[in-house]
Amino acid sequence: MARHLITSALPYINGVKHLGNLVGSMLPADVYSRFLRQTGDEVLFICATDEHGTPAELAALEAGMTTAAFCERQYRVMAELCERWGLSFDHFGRSSSPQNAELTQHFASVLDDNGFIDVRTTVQAYSVDEQRFLPDRYVTGTCPHCGYDRARGDQCENCTRVLDPADLIEPKSATSPASTVELRESKHLFLKQSQLADRIRAWIMSKDDWPPLSRSIALKWLDEGLQDRGITRDLEWGIPVPGRWDGFENKVFYVWFDAPIEYIGASKEWADLEPGSRDWKSWWWEADDVRYTEFMAKDNVPFHAITFPATLLASGEPWKLVDQLKSFNWLTYYGGKFSTSQQRGVFMHDALEVLPADVWRYFLIANAPEGDDADFTWQLVANAVNKDLADVLGNFVNRTLKFHQAHFSNRDFLPTAGSVENDLIEDLQQDIDALRQMYKEMQFRKVAQHLRRIWSRGNEYLETTAPWKTVKTDADAAANSIAVGVGLIRLFGYASAPVMPSIAATLLESVGASPTLVWPGDVRAIILEPVSQEAVKVPAPMFTKLLPEDISSYEERFGV
């Protein structure tokens, strides 16, 4: 049994996340975690809300709440949504936790002891009317690299280049656009990343199994020259800087310094819920037996491929570095960006008012932006629902179980394999073995495509054996076809469970299969398992087709 540590990019606390956020990190991480558990591996799947930095303060200000109260409320909202979406985190924590504060201060102190922290005077944006320094994201302006006129002071959302507020053309205060913005001096702590460039490059070059997207982004940063990075900010909300630095009493750590540390912090939160019975440190400290996989969208790659590893390496301590960094491009919405700040696109809470979570999960995995950006349209959603789920999977389940109810509800089955069944089992065994490899390699689009192929074999089998015809002349043959069909439903449930856990549970319950999820490695045994007539029942319709008028309605509601 292997041990897998899995982390998903931390969702910002400033608002409900959109479907692009979901498919870019949390959902594929969940599918992978569920698959690994199903194969018998030990998994620790960790996520948390990212609660520090400007997005939290701006959102709290707009809501008329203190930042702490706003974050508490939004954490509960996000945790509930994650549960409704079937995200199977072992722990969903908070970057504002005491555990993260303790670890962040520990790392800063150790890095200072090792000579990797420097105190420097920087030039920062200062809002004259508001009488305060402006944190990076409080400053907006035109990006000097691509000309995007709504770039933030820490990063351009359009070209993803990391920025400093001083880089922006015509900078403005996000909270008081009319205020005069000046550049003034302020002291801050800097992580001397430049001294770690060679070590980080050698480490990245050793990761030849990383997706090209992850490696290319990381190496681009290194090729452009790794710069030292400020790790403190003039903010009230955040993790306080330890007292070893004079003059930093009113400063906190930069969110991109403490947020990745929260992966470790959330693991400690998980362990502290059951003191003595959970060992968080074995997952992170001298954890040579652990395989660590991170999931994130491409704009988060630099911080996880460069900044966080730099922190761990500079500590000189035996912390676990990521083994696989699975990155994603963007899911766009009708050619434009999903955007939390601009409320553009479909968000996690709105989506569940339209379709069940498992239907969305299948659609998003089938359209995961792996090789390139993927574009969301309601017609694509309708295609997935109508053609894949309703016409293929739903149709097969409905045909099989209704025929059983009509003709064989009073008899048990012991299915047998003739030449047709043997050919089917042989083909499906190859399919299941291939599907397992796709799950293992995190090829999510291929997973969805292959699931559809596996489901299609059920309908092909019914068309070949035609039990609605043979029942008139050979009831036993028709009964055997239906018994094999029940076995196929059992197989489909196990194979689909990582992507559609609730639908899988319905499939397994409808044929009386064990709800304990195991990987269906032996296709013959699963299909030819005896069937008790008392256990078989027709479930409620699992999928409702989307009509043209539905598509028009959703386009009007959510925009195009």
Protein backbone atom coordinates (compact mmCIF):
# COMPACT_ATOMS: atom_id res chain seq x y z
CA MET A 1 0.00 0.00 0.00
CA ALA A 2 1.51 3.29 -1.16
CA ARG A 3 1.14 6.58 0.71
CA HIS A 4 -0.05 9.60 -1.26
CA LEU A 5 -0.10 13.18 -0.02
CA ILE A 6 -2.36 15.30 -2.23
CA THR A 7 -2.92 19.03 -2.03
CA SER A 8 -5.21 21.25 -4.05
CA ALA A 9 -4.57 24.96 -4.59
CA LEU A 10 -6.18 26.90 -1.75
CA PRO A 11 -9.34 28.77 -2.82
CA TYR A 12 -9.28 32.45 -1.94
CA ILE A 13 -11.71 33.46 0.75
CA ASN A 14 -12.97 36.55 -1.09
CA GLY A 15 -15.94 34.84 -2.72
CA VAL A 16 -17.54 31.67 -4.04
CA LYS A 17 -15.29 30.02 -6.60
CA HIS A 18 -16.24 29.60 -10.25
CA LEU A 19 -16.11 26.40 -12.30
CA GLY A 20 -12.70 27.36 -13.69
CA ASN A 21 -11.27 27.37 -10.17
CA LEU A 22 -12.92 24.04 -9.48
CA VAL A 23 -11.66 22.18 -12.55
CA GLY A 24 -8.22 23.77 -12.26
CA SER A 25 -7.39 22.18 -8.93
CA MET A 26 -9.94 20.88 -6.43
CA LEU A 27 -12.00 18.58 -8.67
CA PRO A 28 -9.17 16.70 -10.44
CA ALA A 29 -7.40 16.37 -7.10
CA ASP A 30 -10.55 14.77 -5.69
CA VAL A 31 -10.93 12.37 -8.63
CA TYR A 32 -7.31 11.29 -8.23
CA SER A 33 -7.66 10.89 -4.45
CA ARG A 34 -10.81 8.81 -4.81
CA PHE A 35 -9.14 6.58 -7.40
CA LEU A 36 -6.12 5.97 -5.18
CA ARG A 37 -8.28 5.09 -2.18
CA GLN A 38 -10.26 2.71 -4.38
CA THR A 39 -7.06 0.87 -5.32
CA GLY A 40 -6.21 0.45 -1.64
CA ASP A 41 -3.56 3.15 -1.27
CA GLU A 42 -3.35 5.40 1.80
CA VAL A 43 -4.25 9.00 1.00
CA LEU A 44 -4.05 12.29 2.88
CA PHE A 45 -5.97 14.85 0.80
CA ILE A 46 -5.55 18.37 2.14
CA CYS A 47 -7.00 21.75 1.22
CA ALA A 48 -7.90 24.99 3.01
CA THR A 49 -9.23 28.47 2.48
CA ASP A 50 -6.58 31.09 1.71
CA GLU A 51 -7.59 33.88 4.07
CA HIS A 52 -4.82 36.45 4.13
CA GLY A 53 -3.92 39.27 1.81
CA THR A 54 -5.81 41.99 0.06
CA PRO A 55 -8.70 39.95 -1.44
CA ALA A 56 -9.94 39.14 2.05
CA GLU A 57 -9.67 42.72 3.27
CA LEU A 58 -11.34 44.19 0.20
CA ALA A 59 -14.20 41.69 0.31
CA ALA A 60 -14.72 42.26 4.04
CA LEU A 61 -14.74 46.02 3.50
CA GLU A 62 -17.37 45.67 0.79
CA ALA A 63 -19.45 43.39 3.04
CA GLY A 64 -19.23 45.85 5.95
CA MET A 65 -17.63 43.24 8.22
CA THR A 66 -14.37 42.81 10.05
CA THR A 67 -11.94 40.69 8.07
CA ALA A 68 -11.93 37.98 10.74
CA ALA A 69 -15.74 37.74 10.79
CA PHE A 70 -15.94 37.76 7.00
CA CYS A 71 -13.37 34.96 6.72
CA GLU A 72 -15.21 32.89 9.31
CA ARG A 73 -18.46 33.24 7.38
CA GLN A 74 -16.90 32.51 4.00
CA TYR A 75 -15.02 29.51 5.32
CA ARG A 76 -18.33 27.93 6.35
CA VAL A 77 -19.82 28.75 2.92
CA MET A 78 -16.87 27.22 1.08
CA ALA A 79 -16.70 24.13 3.29
CA GLU A 80 -20.40 23.45 2.71
CA LEU A 81 -20.02 23.90 -1.05
CA CYS A 82 -17.06 21.53 -1.15
CA GLU A 83 -19.17 18.92 0.62
CA ARG A 84 -22.07 19.42 -1.79
CA TRP A 85 -19.69 18.96 -4.70
CA GLY A 86 -18.44 15.68 -3.21
CA LEU A 87 -14.88 16.87 -2.61
CA SER A 88 -13.47 14.23 -0.28
CA PHE A 89 -10.85 16.23 1.61
CA ASP A 90 -9.43 14.48 4.64
CA HIS A 91 -9.24 17.97 6.07
CA PHE A 92 -10.34 21.36 4.81
CA GLY A 93 -8.52 23.91 6.92
CA ARG A 94 -7.89 27.63 7.19
CA SER A 95 -4.68 29.55 6.55
CA SER A 96 -5.62 31.79 9.50
CA SER A 97 -5.23 28.82 11.87
CA PRO A 98 -2.82 28.94 14.83
CA GLN A 99 -1.02 25.95 13.33
CA ASN A 100 -0.21 27.87 10.16
CA ALA A 101 0.88 30.94 12.12
CA GLU A 102 3.27 28.83 14.18
CA LEU A 103 4.76 27.11 11.14
CA THR A 104 5.07 30.32 9.09
CA GLN A 105 6.91 32.07 11.89
CA HIS A 106 9.09 28.98 12.32
CA PHE A 107 10.10 28.99 8.66
CA ALA A 108 10.87 32.71 8.67
CA SER A 109 13.06 32.32 11.73
CA VAL A 110 14.90 29.28 10.39
CA LEU A 111 15.47 30.94 7.03
CA ASP A 112 16.86 33.96 8.86
CA ASP A 113 19.18 31.72 10.90
CA ASN A 114 20.41 30.18 7.64
CA GLY A 115 21.15 33.54 6.03
CA PHE A 116 18.29 33.59 3.54
CA ILE A 117 16.37 36.57 4.97
CA ASP A 118 17.37 40.16 4.35
CA VAL A 119 15.86 43.41 5.64
CA ARG A 120 15.52 45.90 2.82
CA THR A 121 13.97 49.30 2.31
CA THR A 122 11.52 49.24 -0.57
CA VAL A 123 9.54 51.81 -2.48
CA GLN A 124 5.81 51.18 -2.12
CA ALA A 125 2.60 52.75 -3.24
CA TYR A 126 1.15 55.05 -0.59
CA SER A 127 -2.39 56.43 -0.70
CA VAL A 128 -2.22 60.03 0.46
CA ASP A 129 -5.96 60.44 1.10
CA GLU A 130 -6.21 57.11 2.96
CA GLN A 131 -2.93 57.76 4.81
CA ARG A 132 -1.57 54.26 4.46
CA PHE A 133 0.69 52.05 2.39
CA LEU A 134 -1.21 50.06 -0.19
CA PRO A 135 -0.66 46.30 -0.32
CA ASP A 136 0.07 44.98 -3.78
CA ARG A 137 -3.50 44.02 -4.63
CA TYR A 138 -4.84 47.32 -3.42
CA VAL A 139 -3.00 48.90 -6.35
CA THR A 140 -4.39 48.65 -9.87
CA GLY A 141 -3.10 50.06 -13.14
CA THR A 142 -1.85 49.22 -16.59
CA CYS A 143 0.51 46.27 -17.00
CA PRO A 144 3.83 47.42 -18.49
CA HIS A 145 4.25 44.10 -20.31
CA CYS A 146 0.90 43.49 -22.06
CA GLY A 147 -0.99 46.77 -21.62
CA TYR A 148 -3.88 45.21 -19.64
CA ASP A 149 -5.53 48.18 -17.89
CA ARG A 150 -6.80 46.31 -14.82
CA ALA A 151 -3.60 44.66 -13.68
CA ARG A 152 -3.06 44.24 -9.95
CA GLY A 153 0.05 45.28 -8.11
CA ASP A 154 1.17 41.71 -7.48
CA GLN A 155 0.32 39.98 -10.76
CA CYS A 156 -1.27 40.74 -14.10
CA GLU A 157 -4.37 38.58 -14.49
CA ASN A 158 -4.04 38.79 -18.27
CA CYS A 159 -0.41 37.80 -18.98
CA THR A 160 0.31 36.23 -15.51
CA ARG A 161 3.54 38.22 -15.08
CA VAL A 162 4.43 38.86 -11.45
CA LEU A 163 4.56 42.59 -10.73
CA ASP A 164 5.39 45.14 -8.08
CA PRO A 165 3.07 48.12 -7.64
CA ALA A 166 5.88 50.41 -8.80
CA ASP A 167 5.80 48.62 -12.17
CA LEU A 168 2.24 49.69 -12.94
CA ILE A 169 1.47 52.55 -15.30
CA GLU A 170 -0.90 55.14 -13.76
CA PRO A 171 -1.37 53.26 -10.46
CA LYS A 172 -4.57 53.80 -8.47
CA SER A 173 -5.88 52.72 -5.08
CA ALA A 174 -8.42 49.91 -5.40
CA THR A 175 -10.34 51.24 -2.40
CA SER A 176 -10.14 54.94 -3.25
CA PRO A 177 -9.47 55.43 -6.97
CA ALA A 178 -9.53 59.22 -6.66
CA SER A 179 -6.79 59.24 -4.03
CA THR A 180 -3.33 60.42 -4.99
CA VAL A 181 -0.89 57.51 -5.05
CA GLU A 182 2.76 58.21 -4.21
CA LEU A 183 5.82 56.02 -3.91
CA ARG A 184 7.29 56.00 -0.39
CA GLU A 185 9.85 53.91 1.48
CA SER A 186 9.03 51.00 3.82
CA LYS A 187 11.18 48.25 5.36
CA HIS A 188 10.42 44.61 4.56
CA LEU A 189 11.83 41.11 4.84
CA PHE A 190 13.09 39.50 1.64
CA LEU A 191 13.64 35.83 0.88
CA LYS A 192 16.93 35.60 -1.00
CA GLN A 193 15.64 33.31 -3.72
CA SER A 194 18.46 34.28 -6.07
CA GLN A 195 20.89 32.31 -3.91
CA LEU A 196 18.74 29.19 -4.40
CA ALA A 197 18.35 29.43 -8.19
CA ASP A 198 20.84 26.71 -9.05
CA ARG A 199 19.42 24.28 -6.48
CA ILE A 200 15.86 24.91 -7.65
CA ARG A 201 16.82 24.49 -11.30
CA ALA A 202 18.56 21.18 -10.60
CA TRP A 203 15.54 19.99 -8.66
CA ILE A 204 13.10 20.97 -11.42
CA MET A 205 15.28 19.38 -14.09
CA SER A 206 15.05 16.11 -12.14
CA LYS A 207 11.23 16.18 -12.56
CA ASP A 208 11.10 14.81 -16.11
CA ASP A 209 7.60 13.41 -15.49
CA TRP A 210 6.07 16.81 -14.77
CA PRO A 211 3.56 18.08 -17.34
CA PRO A 212 5.25 20.32 -19.94
CA LEU A 213 3.13 23.23 -18.70
CA SER A 214 4.53 22.98 -15.17
CA ARG A 215 8.16 22.65 -16.26
CA SER A 216 7.98 25.38 -18.89
CA ILE A 217 6.51 27.94 -16.48
CA ALA A 218 9.05 27.13 -13.78
CA LEU A 219 12.02 27.21 -16.15
CA LYS A 220 10.79 30.45 -17.71
CA TRP A 221 10.95 32.09 -14.31
CA LEU A 222 14.47 30.77 -13.75
CA ASP A 223 15.63 31.75 -17.24
CA GLU A 224 14.43 35.30 -16.68
CA GLY A 225 16.54 35.47 -13.52
CA LEU A 226 15.18 34.50 -10.14
CA GLN A 227 14.62 37.60 -8.04
CA ASP A 228 14.63 37.93 -4.28
CA ARG A 229 11.06 38.20 -3.04
CA GLY A 230 9.54 40.39 -0.34
CA ILE A 231 7.70 38.24 2.19
CA THR A 232 6.12 40.90 4.43
CA ARG A 233 3.44 43.53 3.85
CA ASP A 234 2.02 46.63 5.53
CA LEU A 235 -1.30 45.07 6.51
CA GLU A 236 -3.25 44.47 9.69
CA TRP A 237 -4.77 41.12 8.70
CA GLY A 238 -2.30 38.26 8.47
CA ILE A 239 0.33 36.30 10.38
CA PRO A 240 2.41 38.68 12.53
CA VAL A 241 6.16 38.94 11.99
CA PRO A 242 8.11 37.56 15.00
CA GLY A 243 9.69 39.99 17.44
CA ARG A 244 13.24 39.14 16.37
CA TRP A 245 12.88 41.93 13.76
CA ASP A 246 12.61 45.44 15.20
CA GLY A 247 10.22 47.83 13.51
CA PHE A 248 7.98 45.09 12.11
CA GLU A 249 5.32 45.24 14.81
CA ASN A 250 2.65 46.47 12.38
CA LYS A 251 3.55 44.18 9.49
CA VAL A 252 2.42 40.69 8.53
CA PHE A 253 3.74 37.99 6.23
CA TYR A 254 2.90 38.16 2.56
CA VAL A 255 0.04 35.83 1.67
CA TRP A 256 2.11 33.98 -0.93
CA PHE A 257 4.66 33.15 1.77
CA ASP A 258 2.21 31.72 4.31
CA ALA A 259 -0.41 30.20 1.99
CA PRO A 260 1.65 27.23 0.72
CA ILE A 261 2.87 26.60 4.26
CA GLU A 262 -0.80 26.06 5.11
CA TYR A 263 -0.58 22.70 3.32
CA ILE A 264 1.58 21.63 6.23
CA GLY A 265 -0.50 23.70 8.66
CA ALA A 266 -3.75 22.05 7.53
CA SER A 267 -2.14 18.64 7.96
CA LYS A 268 -1.33 19.60 11.53
CA GLU A 269 -4.91 20.88 11.97
CA TRP A 270 -6.12 17.45 10.81
CA ALA A 271 -3.88 15.70 13.33
CA ASP A 272 -4.81 18.02 16.18
CA LEU A 273 -8.47 17.05 15.79
CA GLU A 274 -7.54 13.58 17.10
CA PRO A 275 -4.44 14.05 19.27
CA GLY A 276 -2.31 10.95 19.55
CA SER A 277 -4.01 8.99 16.78
CA ARG A 278 -2.93 11.01 13.74
CA ASP A 279 0.68 11.63 12.78
CA TRP A 280 0.87 14.67 10.49
CA LYS A 281 4.64 14.88 10.57
CA SER A 282 5.19 11.47 8.95
CA TRP A 283 3.58 12.92 5.82
CA TRP A 284 5.93 15.89 5.65
CA TRP A 285 9.12 15.23 7.62
CA GLU A 286 11.64 12.68 6.30
CA ALA A 287 8.70 11.29 4.30
CA ASP A 288 10.62 9.26 1.73
CA ASP A 289 7.78 6.73 1.48
CA VAL A 290 5.24 9.42 0.54
CA ARG A 291 4.44 10.55 -3.02
CA TYR A 292 3.34 14.18 -2.95
CA THR A 293 1.12 15.52 -5.77
CA GLU A 294 -0.04 19.14 -6.10
CA PHE A 295 -2.95 20.29 -8.30
CA MET A 296 -3.27 23.87 -9.55
CA ALA A 297 -3.99 26.20 -12.44
CA LYS A 298 -1.10 27.61 -14.41
CA ASP A 299 -1.07 31.01 -12.70
CA ASN A 300 -0.25 29.31 -9.39
CA VAL A 301 2.64 27.25 -10.76
CA PRO A 302 5.46 29.79 -10.08
CA PHE A 303 4.69 29.96 -6.38
CA HIS A 304 4.56 26.17 -6.02
CA ALA A 305 7.45 25.34 -8.32
CA ILE A 306 9.73 28.16 -7.10
CA THR A 307 8.73 30.07 -3.97
CA PHE A 308 7.42 27.25 -1.76
CA PRO A 309 10.25 24.83 -2.66
CA ALA A 310 12.71 27.68 -2.05
CA THR A 311 11.29 28.08 1.45
CA LEU A 312 11.57 24.36 2.18
CA LEU A 313 15.06 24.02 0.71
CA ALA A 314 16.38 27.12 2.48
CA SER A 315 15.16 25.78 5.83
CA GLY A 316 17.73 23.00 5.68
CA GLU A 317 15.14 20.75 7.26
CA PRO A 318 13.90 17.43 5.80
CA TRP A 319 10.51 18.66 4.58
CA LYS A 320 8.77 16.82 1.77
CA LEU A 321 9.09 18.47 -1.65
CA VAL A 322 6.44 17.93 -4.29
CA ASP A 323 6.94 14.91 -6.54
CA GLN A 324 4.33 15.71 -9.18
CA LEU A 325 2.97 19.17 -9.98
CA LYS A 326 -0.18 18.64 -12.05
CA SER A 327 -1.06 21.96 -13.64
CA PHE A 328 -3.98 23.06 -15.78
CA ASN A 329 -4.64 25.75 -18.32
CA TRP A 330 -7.75 27.90 -17.99
CA LEU A 331 -11.37 27.06 -18.53
CA THR A 332 -12.72 30.06 -20.42
CA TYR A 333 -16.33 31.18 -20.62
CA TYR A 334 -17.55 31.85 -24.17
CA GLY A 335 -14.05 32.94 -25.15
CA GLY A 336 -13.46 35.17 -22.12
CA LYS A 337 -12.14 34.52 -18.66
CA PHE A 338 -14.11 33.22 -15.73
CA SER A 339 -13.51 35.90 -13.12
CA THR A 340 -14.35 36.01 -9.44
CA SER A 341 -13.72 39.75 -9.26
CA GLN A 342 -15.91 40.49 -12.31
CA GLN A 343 -18.54 37.79 -11.54
CA ARG A 344 -18.20 36.41 -15.06
CA GLY A 345 -19.22 32.80 -15.66
CA VAL A 346 -20.86 30.04 -13.62
CA PHE A 347 -20.00 29.78 -9.94
CA MET A 348 -20.10 26.72 -7.71
CA HIS A 349 -23.32 27.62 -5.87
CA ASP A 350 -25.18 28.72 -9.01
CA ALA A 351 -24.16 25.58 -10.89
CA LEU A 352 -25.88 23.34 -8.34
CA GLU A 353 -29.16 25.17 -8.95
CA VAL A 354 -29.01 23.99 -12.57
CA LEU A 355 -27.63 20.44 -12.49
CA PRO A 356 -26.56 17.89 -9.86
CA ALA A 357 -22.93 17.94 -8.78
CA ASP A 358 -22.06 14.61 -10.40
CA VAL A 359 -23.29 15.76 -13.79
CA TRP A 360 -21.07 18.82 -13.52
CA ARG A 361 -18.17 16.69 -12.33
CA TYR A 362 -18.40 14.52 -15.45
CA PHE A 363 -18.70 17.53 -17.77
CA LEU A 364 -15.74 19.34 -16.19
CA ILE A 365 -13.48 16.29 -16.21
CA ALA A 366 -14.45 15.58 -19.83
CA ASN A 367 -13.46 19.16 -20.68
CA ALA A 368 -10.52 19.59 -18.31
CA PRO A 369 -8.10 22.23 -19.69
CA GLU A 370 -5.06 19.97 -19.73
CA GLY A 371 -3.26 20.49 -23.04
CA ASP A 372 -4.65 23.95 -23.69
CA ASP A 373 -7.35 26.34 -22.52
CA ALA A 374 -10.87 24.87 -22.81
CA ASP A 375 -13.95 26.95 -23.57
CA PHE A 376 -17.22 26.58 -21.67
CA THR A 377 -20.50 26.80 -23.56
CA TRP A 378 -23.95 25.62 -22.53
CA GLN A 379 -24.17 23.59 -25.72
CA LEU A 380 -21.14 21.58 -24.59
CA VAL A 381 -22.85 20.98 -21.25
CA ALA A 382 -25.97 19.79 -23.09
CA ASN A 383 -23.89 17.45 -25.25
CA ALA A 384 -22.34 15.83 -22.18
CA VAL A 385 -25.67 15.47 -20.40
CA ASN A 386 -27.74 14.33 -23.37
CA LYS A 387 -25.33 12.24 -25.42
CA ASP A 388 -22.96 10.78 -22.83
CA LEU A 389 -24.91 10.51 -19.61
CA ALA A 390 -28.55 10.20 -20.66
CA ASP A 391 -28.26 8.39 -24.02
CA VAL A 392 -25.40 6.07 -23.12
CA LEU A 393 -25.18 5.39 -19.37
CA GLY A 394 -28.71 6.30 -18.35
CA ASN A 395 -30.27 4.53 -21.32
CA PHE A 396 -28.42 1.29 -20.60
CA VAL A 397 -29.31 1.27 -16.91
CA ASN A 398 -32.94 2.09 -17.63
CA ARG A 399 -33.31 -0.55 -20.34
CA THR A 400 -31.68 -3.28 -18.27
CA LEU A 401 -33.41 -2.74 -14.96
CA LYS A 402 -36.85 -2.03 -16.39
CA PHE A 403 -36.64 -5.20 -18.46
CA HIS A 404 -35.63 -7.10 -15.34
CA GLN A 405 -38.56 -5.62 -13.45
CA ALA A 406 -41.00 -6.54 -16.21
CA HIS A 407 -39.85 -10.09 -16.83
CA PHE A 408 -37.51 -11.48 -14.16
CA SER A 409 -38.27 -9.79 -10.85
CA ASN A 410 -39.18 -13.15 -9.30
CA ARG A 411 -35.99 -15.08 -10.03
CA ASP A 412 -32.36 -15.03 -8.98
CA PHE A 413 -29.62 -15.06 -11.61
CA LEU A 414 -26.40 -16.99 -11.99
CA PRO A 415 -25.04 -15.42 -15.16
CA THR A 416 -22.96 -17.55 -17.50
CA ALA A 417 -20.54 -16.63 -20.28
CA GLY A 418 -20.94 -17.81 -23.84
CA SER A 419 -18.86 -16.61 -26.76
CA VAL A 420 -20.52 -13.17 -26.86
CA GLU A 421 -20.01 -12.66 -23.13
CA ASN A 422 -16.42 -13.91 -23.24
CA ASP A 423 -15.61 -11.44 -26.01
CA LEU A 424 -17.29 -8.67 -24.02
CA ILE A 425 -15.37 -9.53 -20.87
CA GLU A 426 -12.06 -9.65 -22.74
CA ASP A 427 -12.68 -6.23 -24.29
CA LEU A 428 -13.80 -4.74 -21.00
CA GLN A 429 -10.82 -6.13 -19.15
CA GLN A 430 -8.56 -4.27 -21.57
CA ASP A 431 -10.71 -1.16 -21.14
CA ILE A 432 -10.58 -1.29 -17.36
CA ASP A 433 -6.83 -1.85 -17.33
CA ALA A 434 -6.39 1.14 -19.65
CA LEU A 435 -8.76 3.24 -17.54
CA ARG A 436 -6.76 2.47 -14.41
CA GLN A 437 -3.61 3.72 -16.11
CA MET A 438 -5.37 6.90 -17.21
CA TYR A 439 -6.52 7.60 -13.67
CA LYS A 440 -3.02 6.87 -12.40
CA GLU A 441 -1.41 9.20 -14.95
CA MET A 442 -4.03 11.91 -14.27
CA GLN A 443 -5.16 12.06 -17.90
CA PHE A 444 -8.59 13.34 -16.99
CA ARG A 445 -10.06 14.00 -20.41
CA LYS A 446 -9.07 10.50 -21.47
CA VAL A 447 -10.67 9.13 -18.31
CA ALA A 448 -14.04 10.62 -19.31
CA GLN A 449 -13.70 9.49 -22.92
CA HIS A 450 -12.84 5.97 -21.81
CA LEU A 451 -15.71 5.81 -19.34
CA ARG A 452 -18.10 6.64 -22.16
CA ARG A 453 -16.54 3.88 -24.25
CA ILE A 454 -17.00 1.41 -21.40
CA TRP A 455 -20.63 2.43 -20.91
CA SER A 456 -21.24 2.09 -24.66
CA ARG A 457 -20.27 -1.56 -24.52
CA GLY A 458 -23.36 -2.18 -22.40
CA ASN A 459 -25.71 -0.86 -25.07
CA GLU A 460 -23.80 -2.73 -27.77
CA TYR A 461 -24.18 -5.95 -25.77
CA LEU A 462 -27.94 -5.49 -25.46
CA GLU A 463 -28.24 -4.79 -29.16
CA THR A 464 -26.32 -7.99 -29.91
CA THR A 465 -28.23 -10.29 -27.53
CA ALA A 466 -31.62 -8.53 -27.98
CA PRO A 467 -33.33 -9.95 -24.85
CA TRP A 468 -36.61 -8.25 -25.84
CA LYS A 469 -36.67 -10.70 -28.76
CA THR A 470 -35.24 -13.83 -27.15
CA VAL A 471 -37.56 -13.58 -24.17
CA LYS A 472 -40.34 -14.79 -26.48
CA THR A 473 -38.49 -17.95 -27.53
CA ASP A 474 -35.75 -18.54 -24.94
CA ALA A 475 -36.49 -16.95 -21.58
CA ASP A 476 -33.32 -18.36 -20.01
CA ALA A 477 -31.13 -16.72 -22.66
CA ALA A 478 -32.91 -13.41 -22.17
CA ALA A 479 -32.54 -13.76 -18.40
CA ASN A 480 -28.82 -14.38 -18.82
CA SER A 481 -28.45 -11.26 -20.95
CA ILE A 482 -30.14 -9.20 -18.26
CA ALA A 483 -28.06 -10.83 -15.53
CA VAL A 484 -24.91 -9.86 -17.44
CA GLY A 485 -26.40 -6.38 -17.83
CA VAL A 486 -26.79 -6.17 -14.06
CA GLY A 487 -23.14 -7.15 -13.75
CA LEU A 488 -22.21 -4.40 -16.19
CA ILE A 489 -24.05 -1.84 -14.06
CA ARG A 490 -22.00 -3.06 -11.10
CA LEU A 491 -18.81 -2.62 -13.16
CA PHE A 492 -19.85 0.83 -14.36
CA GLY A 493 -20.49 1.92 -10.79
CA TYR A 494 -17.02 0.97 -9.58
CA ALA A 495 -15.25 2.36 -12.67
CA SER A 496 -17.13 5.69 -12.55
CA ALA A 497 -16.92 6.27 -8.80
CA PRO A 498 -13.89 8.61 -8.76
CA VAL A 499 -15.60 10.97 -11.23
CA MET A 500 -19.26 10.57 -10.20
CA PRO A 501 -19.40 9.23 -6.64
CA SER A 502 -23.12 9.82 -6.05
CA ILE A 503 -24.17 8.35 -9.40
CA ALA A 504 -21.87 5.40 -8.75
CA ALA A 505 -23.53 4.82 -5.39
CA THR A 506 -26.94 4.84 -7.10
CA LEU A 507 -25.76 2.31 -9.69
CA LEU A 508 -24.34 -0.02 -7.06
CA GLU A 509 -27.42 0.26 -4.86
CA SER A 510 -29.73 -0.49 -7.82
CA VAL A 511 -28.11 -3.90 -8.33
CA GLY A 512 -27.45 -4.73 -4.68
CA ALA A 513 -23.68 -4.39 -5.00
CA SER A 514 -21.43 -3.66 -2.06
CA PRO A 515 -21.11 0.09 -1.47
CA THR A 516 -17.51 -0.43 -0.37
CA LEU A 517 -15.53 0.93 -3.29
CA VAL A 518 -12.78 -1.26 -4.69
CA TRP A 519 -11.10 -1.05 -8.05
CA PRO A 520 -12.84 -3.49 -10.48
CA GLY A 521 -9.67 -5.30 -11.49
CA ASP A 522 -11.31 -8.67 -12.23
CA VAL A 523 -13.97 -7.86 -14.80
CA ARG A 524 -15.12 -11.48 -15.21
CA ALA A 525 -15.78 -11.92 -11.50
CA ILE A 526 -17.75 -8.66 -11.31
CA ILE A 527 -19.92 -9.32 -14.36
CA LEU A 528 -20.64 -12.96 -13.55
CA GLU A 529 -21.39 -12.41 -9.88
CA PRO A 530 -24.71 -14.04 -8.86
CA VAL A 531 -27.66 -11.66 -8.78
CA SER A 532 -30.39 -11.74 -6.16
CA GLN A 533 -33.72 -10.63 -7.60
CA GLU A 534 -34.61 -8.98 -4.29
CA ALA A 535 -31.60 -6.68 -4.54
CA VAL A 536 -32.34 -5.33 -8.02
CA LYS A 537 -34.50 -2.22 -8.32
CA VAL A 538 -35.08 0.54 -10.84
CA PRO A 539 -33.64 3.86 -9.61
CA ALA A 540 -35.26 7.21 -10.19
CA PRO A 541 -34.16 8.82 -13.46
CA MET A 542 -30.56 9.90 -13.02
CA PHE A 543 -30.27 12.37 -15.89
CA THR A 544 -32.64 14.96 -17.37
CA LYS A 545 -31.84 16.12 -20.87
CA LEU A 546 -31.23 19.79 -21.59
CA LEU A 547 -33.50 21.20 -24.29
CA PRO A 548 -32.72 24.11 -26.64
CA GLU A 549 -34.92 26.38 -24.54
CA ASP A 550 -32.90 25.40 -21.45
CA ILE A 551 -29.68 26.41 -23.18
CA SER A 552 -31.16 29.76 -24.19
CA SER A 553 -32.39 30.36 -20.65
CA TYR A 554 -28.98 29.66 -19.10
CA GLU A 555 -27.20 31.81 -21.67
CA GLU A 556 -29.52 34.65 -20.76
CA ARG A 557 -29.08 34.10 -17.03
CA PHE A 558 -25.31 33.72 -16.96
CA GLY A 559 -24.39 35.76 -20.03
CA VAL A 560 -22.39 34.83 -23.10
